[in-house]
Amino acid sequence: MSENRTKKKGKSKRGRPPKHGGYSLLIKGELPENRKYIRRYLTAVREGLIQDLGPTEEDLTTAQLVLIDRIVTKLGVVRCIEEYIREHTVMTGARLSPSLRESYLAYNNSIRLDLAALGINKRNKEAILTPYEITEKENGHNKRVK
């Protein structure tokens, strides 16, 4: 019976060509060796988002934390794609590089939608109030006496 079967070939030594590394981040949760520096950026972004909404992680809802973690993961994929494109090229022949063509815009749009769901807006700079305005605000007066 086993005489009719063909022998299995061993794994190919070729493998697939090097890619941007976003897949490794999504599947394994790891950045490729040549992209480890992106982790500092992603950590700073996560901390910044928590501070913008929190100011601590304990002040956030579970849904906010889930959105922040999804944003950071997607941002990691986007950064891997951007670094790959910087090292290689935007175009493959007459076409846009597959990394950009297939998912780059979708990830960026998804990040934008997640940020909107979190309610991230431009920071409002606190106006410097005069002592009179502070007193007025504390007393609930809306009109300013000249």
C-alpha atoms as a PDB file:
ATOM      1  CA  MET A   1       0.000   0.000   0.000  1.00  0.00           C
ATOM      2  CA  SER A   2       2.663   2.497   0.919  1.00  0.00           C
ATOM      3  CA  GLU A   3       4.529   1.737  -2.321  1.00  0.00           C
ATOM      4  CA  ASN A   4       1.980   3.753  -4.321  1.00  0.00           C
ATOM      5  CA  ARG A   5       2.408   6.866  -2.218  1.00  0.00           C
ATOM      6  CA  THR A   6       4.925   9.448  -3.180  1.00  0.00           C
ATOM      7  CA  LYS A   7       7.387  10.509  -0.582  1.00  0.00           C
ATOM      8  CA  LYS A   8       6.716  13.802   1.129  1.00  0.00           C
ATOM      9  CA  LYS A   9       9.118  16.487   0.202  1.00  0.00           C
ATOM     10  CA  GLY A  10      10.881  18.301   3.026  1.00  0.00           C
ATOM     11  CA  LYS A  11      10.159  21.920   3.694  1.00  0.00           C
ATOM     12  CA  SER A  12      11.411  24.289   1.081  1.00  0.00           C
ATOM     13  CA  LYS A  13      14.593  26.124   2.012  1.00  0.00           C
ATOM     14  CA  ARG A  14      13.400  29.183   0.105  1.00  0.00           C
ATOM     15  CA  GLY A  15      10.647  30.329   2.443  1.00  0.00           C
ATOM     16  CA  ARG A  16       8.724  33.432   1.673  1.00  0.00           C
ATOM     17  CA  PRO A  17      10.442  36.712   0.923  1.00  0.00           C
ATOM     18  CA  PRO A  18      10.947  39.098   3.848  1.00  0.00           C
ATOM     19  CA  LYS A  19       7.853  41.160   4.589  1.00  0.00           C
ATOM     20  CA  HIS A  20       7.072  44.186   6.728  1.00  0.00           C
ATOM     21  CA  GLY A  21       6.444  42.275   9.982  1.00  0.00           C
ATOM     22  CA  GLY A  22       2.871  43.344  10.685  1.00  0.00           C
ATOM     23  CA  TYR A  23       1.701  39.744  10.418  1.00  0.00           C
ATOM     24  CA  SER A  24       4.128  38.699  13.165  1.00  0.00           C
ATOM     25  CA  LEU A  25       2.741  41.407  15.398  1.00  0.00           C
ATOM     26  CA  LEU A  26      -0.848  40.305  14.823  1.00  0.00           C
ATOM     27  CA  ILE A  27      -0.272  36.555  15.092  1.00  0.00           C
ATOM     28  CA  LYS A  28       2.522  36.250  17.638  1.00  0.00           C
ATOM     29  CA  GLY A  29       2.242  39.599  19.386  1.00  0.00           C
ATOM     30  CA  GLU A  30       5.903  40.195  18.643  1.00  0.00           C
ATOM     31  CA  LEU A  31       7.698  42.749  16.562  1.00  0.00           C
ATOM     32  CA  PRO A  32      10.319  41.379  14.178  1.00  0.00           C
ATOM     33  CA  GLU A  33      13.936  41.671  15.363  1.00  0.00           C
ATOM     34  CA  ASN A  34      14.648  44.526  12.955  1.00  0.00           C
ATOM     35  CA  ARG A  35      11.630  46.500  14.220  1.00  0.00           C
ATOM     36  CA  LYS A  36      12.053  46.293  18.027  1.00  0.00           C
ATOM     37  CA  TYR A  37      12.550  50.087  18.246  1.00  0.00           C
ATOM     38  CA  ILE A  38       8.872  50.543  17.323  1.00  0.00           C
ATOM     39  CA  ARG A  39       7.903  49.134  20.750  1.00  0.00           C
ATOM     40  CA  ARG A  40       9.057  52.368  22.468  1.00  0.00           C
ATOM     41  CA  TYR A  41       6.813  54.379  20.159  1.00  0.00           C
ATOM     42  CA  LEU A  42       3.818  52.096  20.741  1.00  0.00           C
ATOM     43  CA  THR A  43       4.321  52.174  24.511  1.00  0.00           C
ATOM     44  CA  ALA A  44       4.449  55.990  24.459  1.00  0.00           C
ATOM     45  CA  VAL A  45       1.259  56.126  22.359  1.00  0.00           C
ATOM     46  CA  ARG A  46      -0.581  53.778  24.733  1.00  0.00           C
ATOM     47  CA  GLU A  47       0.521  55.780  27.771  1.00  0.00           C
ATOM     48  CA  GLY A  48      -0.456  59.020  26.025  1.00  0.00           C
ATOM     49  CA  LEU A  49      -3.938  57.769  25.175  1.00  0.00           C
ATOM     50  CA  ILE A  50      -4.470  56.578  28.741  1.00  0.00           C
ATOM     51  CA  GLN A  51      -3.308  59.925  30.096  1.00  0.00           C
ATOM     52  CA  ASP A  52      -5.568  61.812  27.666  1.00  0.00           C
ATOM     53  CA  LEU A  53      -8.609  59.849  28.847  1.00  0.00           C
ATOM     54  CA  GLY A  54      -7.648  58.809  32.379  1.00  0.00           C
ATOM     55  CA  PRO A  55      -5.265  60.067  33.689  1.00  0.00           C
ATOM     56  CA  THR A  56      -4.612  56.502  34.927  1.00  0.00           C
ATOM     57  CA  GLU A  57      -5.582  53.083  33.600  1.00  0.00           C
ATOM     58  CA  GLU A  58      -7.853  52.541  36.613  1.00  0.00           C
ATOM     59  CA  ASP A  59      -9.923  55.582  35.564  1.00  0.00           C
ATOM     60  CA  LEU A  60     -10.844  53.994  32.216  1.00  0.00           C
ATOM     61  CA  THR A  61     -13.641  51.620  31.345  1.00  0.00           C
ATOM     62  CA  THR A  62     -12.931  48.153  30.005  1.00  0.00           C
ATOM     63  CA  ALA A  63     -14.234  49.245  26.599  1.00  0.00           C
ATOM     64  CA  GLN A  64     -11.806  52.181  26.522  1.00  0.00           C
ATOM     65  CA  LEU A  65      -8.901  49.899  27.395  1.00  0.00           C
ATOM     66  CA  VAL A  66      -9.893  47.423  24.687  1.00  0.00           C
ATOM     67  CA  LEU A  67     -10.067  50.228  22.104  1.00  0.00           C
ATOM     68  CA  ILE A  68      -6.700  51.602  23.197  1.00  0.00           C
ATOM     69  CA  ASP A  69      -5.082  48.169  22.923  1.00  0.00           C
ATOM     70  CA  ARG A  70      -6.618  47.603  19.464  1.00  0.00           C
ATOM     71  CA  ILE A  71      -5.392  51.033  18.343  1.00  0.00           C
ATOM     72  CA  VAL A  72      -1.871  50.269  19.526  1.00  0.00           C
ATOM     73  CA  THR A  73      -1.838  46.900  17.735  1.00  0.00           C
ATOM     74  CA  LYS A  74      -3.111  48.385  14.476  1.00  0.00           C
ATOM     75  CA  LEU A  75      -0.679  51.266  14.798  1.00  0.00           C
ATOM     76  CA  GLY A  76       2.122  48.722  15.178  1.00  0.00           C
ATOM     77  CA  VAL A  77       1.124  47.072  11.916  1.00  0.00           C
ATOM     78  CA  VAL A  78       0.971  50.462  10.179  1.00  0.00           C
ATOM     79  CA  ARG A  79       4.400  51.427  11.505  1.00  0.00           C
ATOM     80  CA  CYS A  80       5.882  48.104  10.327  1.00  0.00           C
ATOM     81  CA  ILE A  81       4.457  48.713   6.857  1.00  0.00           C
ATOM     82  CA  GLU A  82       5.815  52.282   6.818  1.00  0.00           C
ATOM     83  CA  GLU A  83       9.292  51.151   7.867  1.00  0.00           C
ATOM     84  CA  TYR A  84       9.282  48.398   5.243  1.00  0.00           C
ATOM     85  CA  ILE A  85       8.317  50.916   2.560  1.00  0.00           C
ATOM     86  CA  ARG A  86      11.071  53.310   3.704  1.00  0.00           C
ATOM     87  CA  GLU A  87      13.610  50.504   3.357  1.00  0.00           C
ATOM     88  CA  HIS A  88      12.301  49.259   0.023  1.00  0.00           C
ATOM     89  CA  THR A  89      10.034  51.078  -2.377  1.00  0.00           C
ATOM     90  CA  VAL A  90       6.526  52.409  -2.732  1.00  0.00           C
ATOM     91  CA  MET A  91       6.106  50.922  -6.185  1.00  0.00           C
ATOM     92  CA  THR A  92       6.507  47.370  -7.467  1.00  0.00           C
ATOM     93  CA  GLY A  93       6.823  47.838 -11.189  1.00  0.00           C
ATOM     94  CA  ALA A  94       3.940  50.036 -12.285  1.00  0.00           C
ATOM     95  CA  ARG A  95       1.787  49.106  -9.255  1.00  0.00           C
ATOM     96  CA  LEU A  96       1.695  50.263  -5.671  1.00  0.00           C
ATOM     97  CA  SER A  97       3.588  47.975  -3.278  1.00  0.00           C
ATOM     98  CA  PRO A  98       1.356  45.124  -2.047  1.00  0.00           C
ATOM     99  CA  SER A  99       1.810  46.243   1.584  1.00  0.00           C
ATOM    100  CA  LEU A 100       0.283  49.616   0.772  1.00  0.00           C
ATOM    101  CA  ARG A 101      -2.223  48.365  -1.752  1.00  0.00           C
ATOM    102  CA  GLU A 102      -3.833  45.671   0.375  1.00  0.00           C
ATOM    103  CA  SER A 103      -4.183  46.890   3.924  1.00  0.00           C
ATOM    104  CA  TYR A 104      -2.414  50.139   4.782  1.00  0.00           C
ATOM    105  CA  LEU A 105      -5.380  52.434   4.183  1.00  0.00           C
ATOM    106  CA  ALA A 106      -7.785  50.016   5.897  1.00  0.00           C
ATOM    107  CA  TYR A 107      -5.635  49.947   9.044  1.00  0.00           C
ATOM    108  CA  ASN A 108      -5.308  53.736   9.075  1.00  0.00           C
ATOM    109  CA  ASN A 109      -9.053  54.180   8.649  1.00  0.00           C
ATOM    110  CA  SER A 110      -9.716  51.669  11.416  1.00  0.00           C
ATOM    111  CA  ILE A 111      -7.377  53.573  13.753  1.00  0.00           C
ATOM    112  CA  ARG A 112      -9.177  56.822  12.904  1.00  0.00           C
ATOM    113  CA  LEU A 113     -12.566  55.261  13.678  1.00  0.00           C
ATOM    114  CA  ASP A 114     -11.309  53.810  16.969  1.00  0.00           C
ATOM    115  CA  LEU A 115      -9.927  57.200  18.011  1.00  0.00           C
ATOM    116  CA  ALA A 116     -13.265  58.780  17.165  1.00  0.00           C
ATOM    117  CA  ALA A 117     -15.023  56.119  19.267  1.00  0.00           C
ATOM    118  CA  LEU A 118     -12.757  57.032  22.179  1.00  0.00           C
ATOM    119  CA  GLY A 119     -13.697  60.679  21.719  1.00  0.00           C
ATOM    120  CA  ILE A 120     -10.190  61.925  21.161  1.00  0.00           C
ATOM    121  CA  ASN A 121     -10.349  65.581  20.238  1.00  0.00           C
ATOM    122  CA  LYS A 122      -7.810  68.309  19.951  1.00  0.00           C
ATOM    123  CA  ARG A 123      -6.662  69.417  23.356  1.00  0.00           C
ATOM    124  CA  ASN A 124      -8.214  72.614  24.573  1.00  0.00           C
ATOM    125  CA  LYS A 125      -5.544  74.861  25.976  1.00  0.00           C
ATOM    126  CA  GLU A 126      -6.568  76.151  29.358  1.00  0.00           C
ATOM    127  CA  ALA A 127      -6.914  79.890  29.175  1.00  0.00           C
ATOM    128  CA  ILE A 128      -5.056  81.808  31.814  1.00  0.00           C
ATOM    129  CA  LEU A 129      -7.660  83.502  33.933  1.00  0.00           C
ATOM    130  CA  THR A 130      -7.259  86.713  35.849  1.00  0.00           C
ATOM    131  CA  PRO A 131      -8.006  86.650  39.581  1.00  0.00           C
ATOM    132  CA  TYR A 132     -11.281  88.455  38.850  1.00  0.00           C
ATOM    133  CA  GLU A 133     -12.312  85.788  36.277  1.00  0.00           C
ATOM    134  CA  ILE A 134     -11.485  82.981  38.714  1.00  0.00           C
ATOM    135  CA  THR A 135     -13.650  84.595  41.397  1.00  0.00           C
ATOM    136  CA  GLU A 136     -16.407  85.161  38.888  1.00  0.00           C
ATOM    137  CA  LYS A 137     -16.280  81.545  37.748  1.00  0.00           C
ATOM    138  CA  GLU A 138     -16.336  80.243  41.328  1.00  0.00           C
ATOM    139  CA  ASN A 139     -19.354  82.392  42.170  1.00  0.00           C
ATOM    140  CA  GLY A 140     -21.216  81.297  39.055  1.00  0.00           C
ATOM    141  CA  HIS A 141     -21.366  84.742  37.455  1.00  0.00           C
ATOM    142  CA  ASN A 142     -21.338  84.685  33.684  1.00  0.00           C
ATOM    143  CA  LYS A 143     -21.161  88.413  33.071  1.00  0.00           C
ATOM    144  CA  ARG A 144     -17.943  90.316  33.404  1.00  0.00           C
ATOM    145  CA  VAL A 145     -18.094  93.712  35.091  1.00  0.00           C
ATOM    146  CA  LYS A 146     -16.049  96.390  33.355  1.00  0.00           C
END
